[in-house]
Amino acid sequence: MTLREFVTKFVERNTCCRLWIRKEQKGKLNDHQLVFGSEYLIDDIWKYKYKCFMEWELLTLAVPQSNYLDCTFISITAMNVDGFVNGDSIDLIIKDDNVKDYYQPKKENIVKSNNIVEQECCYS
């Protein structure tokens, strides 16, 4: 089942989500990487990367995480990020086996970041 199929069939409208890629390692706990969203320029000084997105943003290709819609869906879980569990969003786990280039920024203050995936510790 793909991420698109899972979200379409099982995720309610206006659900806040985060997307994680499972990095499998033999003999170790699975490690996960958070897929960050758009980078917004604020006062031409720094960028803010969104971690969460709405399920409808994903399906309408409005966020960079949409590039992973055709990837294999693995599971949902609750991840511990920055020392707390975020109960306001669901965590979707995928395998990055079919990444496409669907997302195209529409606003001037958004920087396309070439599917940046940054490491986040999920067991802090």
C-alpha atoms as a PDB file:
ATOM      1  CA  MET A   1       0.000   0.000   0.000  1.00  0.00           C
ATOM      2  CA  THR A   2       1.314   3.457  -0.870  1.00  0.00           C
ATOM      3  CA  LEU A   3       1.259   6.509   1.362  1.00  0.00           C
ATOM      4  CA  ARG A   4      -1.362   8.055  -0.949  1.00  0.00           C
ATOM      5  CA  GLU A   5      -3.643   5.008  -0.618  1.00  0.00           C
ATOM      6  CA  PHE A   6      -3.321   4.909   3.166  1.00  0.00           C
ATOM      7  CA  VAL A   7      -4.005   8.615   3.675  1.00  0.00           C
ATOM      8  CA  THR A   8      -6.945   8.575   1.245  1.00  0.00           C
ATOM      9  CA  LYS A   9      -8.588   5.532   2.882  1.00  0.00           C
ATOM     10  CA  PHE A  10      -7.792   5.903   6.580  1.00  0.00           C
ATOM     11  CA  VAL A  11      -6.843   9.468   7.553  1.00  0.00           C
ATOM     12  CA  GLU A  12      -9.670  11.865   8.436  1.00  0.00           C
ATOM     13  CA  ARG A  13      -9.910  15.302   6.800  1.00  0.00           C
ATOM     14  CA  ASN A  14      -7.928  18.085   8.523  1.00  0.00           C
ATOM     15  CA  THR A  15      -5.573  15.704  10.315  1.00  0.00           C
ATOM     16  CA  CYS A  16      -2.137  17.049  11.172  1.00  0.00           C
ATOM     17  CA  CYS A  17       0.660  14.636  10.150  1.00  0.00           C
ATOM     18  CA  ARG A  18       4.424  14.194  10.186  1.00  0.00           C
ATOM     19  CA  LEU A  19       6.296  11.985   7.714  1.00  0.00           C
ATOM     20  CA  TRP A  20       9.167   9.687   8.691  1.00  0.00           C
ATOM     21  CA  ILE A  21      11.431   7.462   6.593  1.00  0.00           C
ATOM     22  CA  ARG A  22      12.497   4.184   8.173  1.00  0.00           C
ATOM     23  CA  LYS A  23      16.193   3.464   7.808  1.00  0.00           C
ATOM     24  CA  GLU A  24      16.672  -0.237   8.443  1.00  0.00           C
ATOM     25  CA  GLN A  25      19.886  -1.472   9.997  1.00  0.00           C
ATOM     26  CA  LYS A  26      20.611  -5.147  10.664  1.00  0.00           C
ATOM     27  CA  GLY A  27      21.040  -5.968  14.335  1.00  0.00           C
ATOM     28  CA  LYS A  28      19.957  -2.511  15.520  1.00  0.00           C
ATOM     29  CA  LEU A  29      16.740  -0.705  16.292  1.00  0.00           C
ATOM     30  CA  ASN A  30      15.232   0.910  13.251  1.00  0.00           C
ATOM     31  CA  ASP A  31      16.255   4.540  12.902  1.00  0.00           C
ATOM     32  CA  HIS A  32      13.887   7.135  11.468  1.00  0.00           C
ATOM     33  CA  GLN A  33      14.437  10.402   9.615  1.00  0.00           C
ATOM     34  CA  LEU A  34      11.904  13.211   9.628  1.00  0.00           C
ATOM     35  CA  VAL A  35      10.974  14.682   6.250  1.00  0.00           C
ATOM     36  CA  PHE A  36      10.871  18.446   6.632  1.00  0.00           C
ATOM     37  CA  GLY A  37       8.510  20.698   4.725  1.00  0.00           C
ATOM     38  CA  SER A  38       8.857  24.119   3.174  1.00  0.00           C
ATOM     39  CA  GLU A  39      11.488  26.602   4.244  1.00  0.00           C
ATOM     40  CA  TYR A  40      10.125  30.092   4.803  1.00  0.00           C
ATOM     41  CA  LEU A  41      12.375  33.144   4.717  1.00  0.00           C
ATOM     42  CA  ILE A  42      11.679  35.426   7.655  1.00  0.00           C
ATOM     43  CA  ASP A  43      13.175  38.935   7.625  1.00  0.00           C
ATOM     44  CA  ASP A  44      15.774  37.695   5.101  1.00  0.00           C
ATOM     45  CA  ILE A  45      17.699  36.264   8.041  1.00  0.00           C
ATOM     46  CA  TRP A  46      16.671  32.702   8.795  1.00  0.00           C
ATOM     47  CA  LYS A  47      14.540  29.904   7.508  1.00  0.00           C
ATOM     48  CA  TYR A  48      11.829  27.975   9.314  1.00  0.00           C
ATOM     49  CA  LYS A  49      11.173  24.393   8.262  1.00  0.00           C
ATOM     50  CA  TYR A  50       7.729  23.007   8.945  1.00  0.00           C
ATOM     51  CA  LYS A  51       7.619  19.510  10.417  1.00  0.00           C
ATOM     52  CA  CYS A  52       3.844  19.027  10.208  1.00  0.00           C
ATOM     53  CA  PHE A  53       1.331  19.227   7.388  1.00  0.00           C
ATOM     54  CA  MET A  54      -2.376  18.658   6.926  1.00  0.00           C
ATOM     55  CA  GLU A  55      -3.436  15.467   5.151  1.00  0.00           C
ATOM     56  CA  TRP A  56      -5.190  17.478   2.411  1.00  0.00           C
ATOM     57  CA  GLU A  57      -1.978  19.463   1.764  1.00  0.00           C
ATOM     58  CA  LEU A  58      -0.206  16.158   1.134  1.00  0.00           C
ATOM     59  CA  LEU A  59      -2.876  14.902  -1.280  1.00  0.00           C
ATOM     60  CA  THR A  60      -3.089  18.207  -3.206  1.00  0.00           C
ATOM     61  CA  LEU A  61       0.722  18.355  -3.660  1.00  0.00           C
ATOM     62  CA  ALA A  62       0.922  21.566  -1.596  1.00  0.00           C
ATOM     63  CA  VAL A  63       3.868  20.451   0.597  1.00  0.00           C
ATOM     64  CA  PRO A  64       7.304  18.931  -0.138  1.00  0.00           C
ATOM     65  CA  GLN A  65       6.279  15.734   1.645  1.00  0.00           C
ATOM     66  CA  SER A  66       3.970  15.119  -1.358  1.00  0.00           C
ATOM     67  CA  ASN A  67       7.022  13.833  -3.220  1.00  0.00           C
ATOM     68  CA  TYR A  68       6.686  10.664  -1.128  1.00  0.00           C
ATOM     69  CA  LEU A  69       3.037   9.871  -2.002  1.00  0.00           C
ATOM     70  CA  ASP A  70       3.947   6.849  -4.132  1.00  0.00           C
ATOM     71  CA  CYS A  71       6.326   5.366  -1.540  1.00  0.00           C
ATOM     72  CA  THR A  72       5.476   2.221   0.411  1.00  0.00           C
ATOM     73  CA  PHE A  73       3.518   2.935   3.586  1.00  0.00           C
ATOM     74  CA  ILE A  74       4.778   0.966   6.611  1.00  0.00           C
ATOM     75  CA  SER A  75       2.890   2.087   9.727  1.00  0.00           C
ATOM     76  CA  ILE A  76       1.706   4.876  12.004  1.00  0.00           C
ATOM     77  CA  THR A  77       3.194   5.548  15.420  1.00  0.00           C
ATOM     78  CA  ALA A  78       3.828   8.223  18.040  1.00  0.00           C
ATOM     79  CA  MET A  79       7.390   9.543  17.813  1.00  0.00           C
ATOM     80  CA  ASN A  80       9.258  11.271  20.610  1.00  0.00           C
ATOM     81  CA  VAL A  81      10.683  14.456  19.057  1.00  0.00           C
ATOM     82  CA  ASP A  82      12.702  17.067  20.943  1.00  0.00           C
ATOM     83  CA  GLY A  83      11.912  15.379  24.246  1.00  0.00           C
ATOM     84  CA  PHE A  84       8.107  15.250  23.956  1.00  0.00           C
ATOM     85  CA  VAL A  85       5.461  13.258  22.161  1.00  0.00           C
ATOM     86  CA  ASN A  86       3.378  15.489  19.920  1.00  0.00           C
ATOM     87  CA  GLY A  87      -0.209  14.343  20.414  1.00  0.00           C
ATOM     88  CA  ASP A  88      -1.464  16.887  17.901  1.00  0.00           C
ATOM     89  CA  SER A  89      -0.251  14.972  14.850  1.00  0.00           C
ATOM     90  CA  ILE A  90       0.030  11.414  13.589  1.00  0.00           C
ATOM     91  CA  ASP A  91       3.390  10.042  12.539  1.00  0.00           C
ATOM     92  CA  LEU A  92       3.386   8.209   9.202  1.00  0.00           C
ATOM     93  CA  ILE A  93       6.279   5.807   8.539  1.00  0.00           C
ATOM     94  CA  ILE A  94       7.292   5.034   4.952  1.00  0.00           C
ATOM     95  CA  LYS A  95      10.026   3.388   2.922  1.00  0.00           C
ATOM     96  CA  ASP A  96      11.577   5.892   0.486  1.00  0.00           C
ATOM     97  CA  ASP A  97      11.366   3.558  -2.506  1.00  0.00           C
ATOM     98  CA  ASN A  98       9.446   5.649  -5.050  1.00  0.00           C
ATOM     99  CA  VAL A  99      10.172   9.355  -4.549  1.00  0.00           C
ATOM    100  CA  LYS A 100       8.805  11.681  -7.253  1.00  0.00           C
ATOM    101  CA  ASP A 101       9.141  15.414  -7.902  1.00  0.00           C
ATOM    102  CA  TYR A 102       5.505  16.466  -7.439  1.00  0.00           C
ATOM    103  CA  TYR A 103       5.889  19.528  -5.214  1.00  0.00           C
ATOM    104  CA  GLN A 104       6.534  22.941  -6.790  1.00  0.00           C
ATOM    105  CA  PRO A 105       6.570  26.026  -4.508  1.00  0.00           C
ATOM    106  CA  LYS A 106       3.963  28.639  -5.399  1.00  0.00           C
ATOM    107  CA  LYS A 107       4.991  31.505  -3.102  1.00  0.00           C
ATOM    108  CA  GLU A 108       8.040  33.720  -3.444  1.00  0.00           C
ATOM    109  CA  ASN A 109       9.163  33.294   0.154  1.00  0.00           C
ATOM    110  CA  ILE A 110       9.415  29.492  -0.073  1.00  0.00           C
ATOM    111  CA  VAL A 111      12.696  27.821  -0.944  1.00  0.00           C
ATOM    112  CA  LYS A 112      12.526  24.449  -2.683  1.00  0.00           C
ATOM    113  CA  SER A 113      14.949  22.286  -0.786  1.00  0.00           C
ATOM    114  CA  ASN A 114      15.404  19.250  -3.074  1.00  0.00           C
ATOM    115  CA  ASN A 115      13.620  16.755  -0.812  1.00  0.00           C
ATOM    116  CA  ILE A 116      15.779  17.554   2.199  1.00  0.00           C
ATOM    117  CA  VAL A 117      15.632  14.814   4.782  1.00  0.00           C
ATOM    118  CA  GLU A 118      17.351  15.675   8.043  1.00  0.00           C
ATOM    119  CA  GLN A 119      18.186  13.369  10.900  1.00  0.00           C
ATOM    120  CA  GLU A 120      16.181  13.794  14.091  1.00  0.00           C
ATOM    121  CA  CYS A 121      16.629  11.613  17.127  1.00  0.00           C
ATOM    122  CA  CYS A 122      13.355   9.914  17.889  1.00  0.00           C
ATOM    123  CA  TYR A 123      14.433   8.409  21.225  1.00  0.00           C
ATOM    124  CA  SER A 124      15.739  11.485  23.094  1.00  0.00           C
END
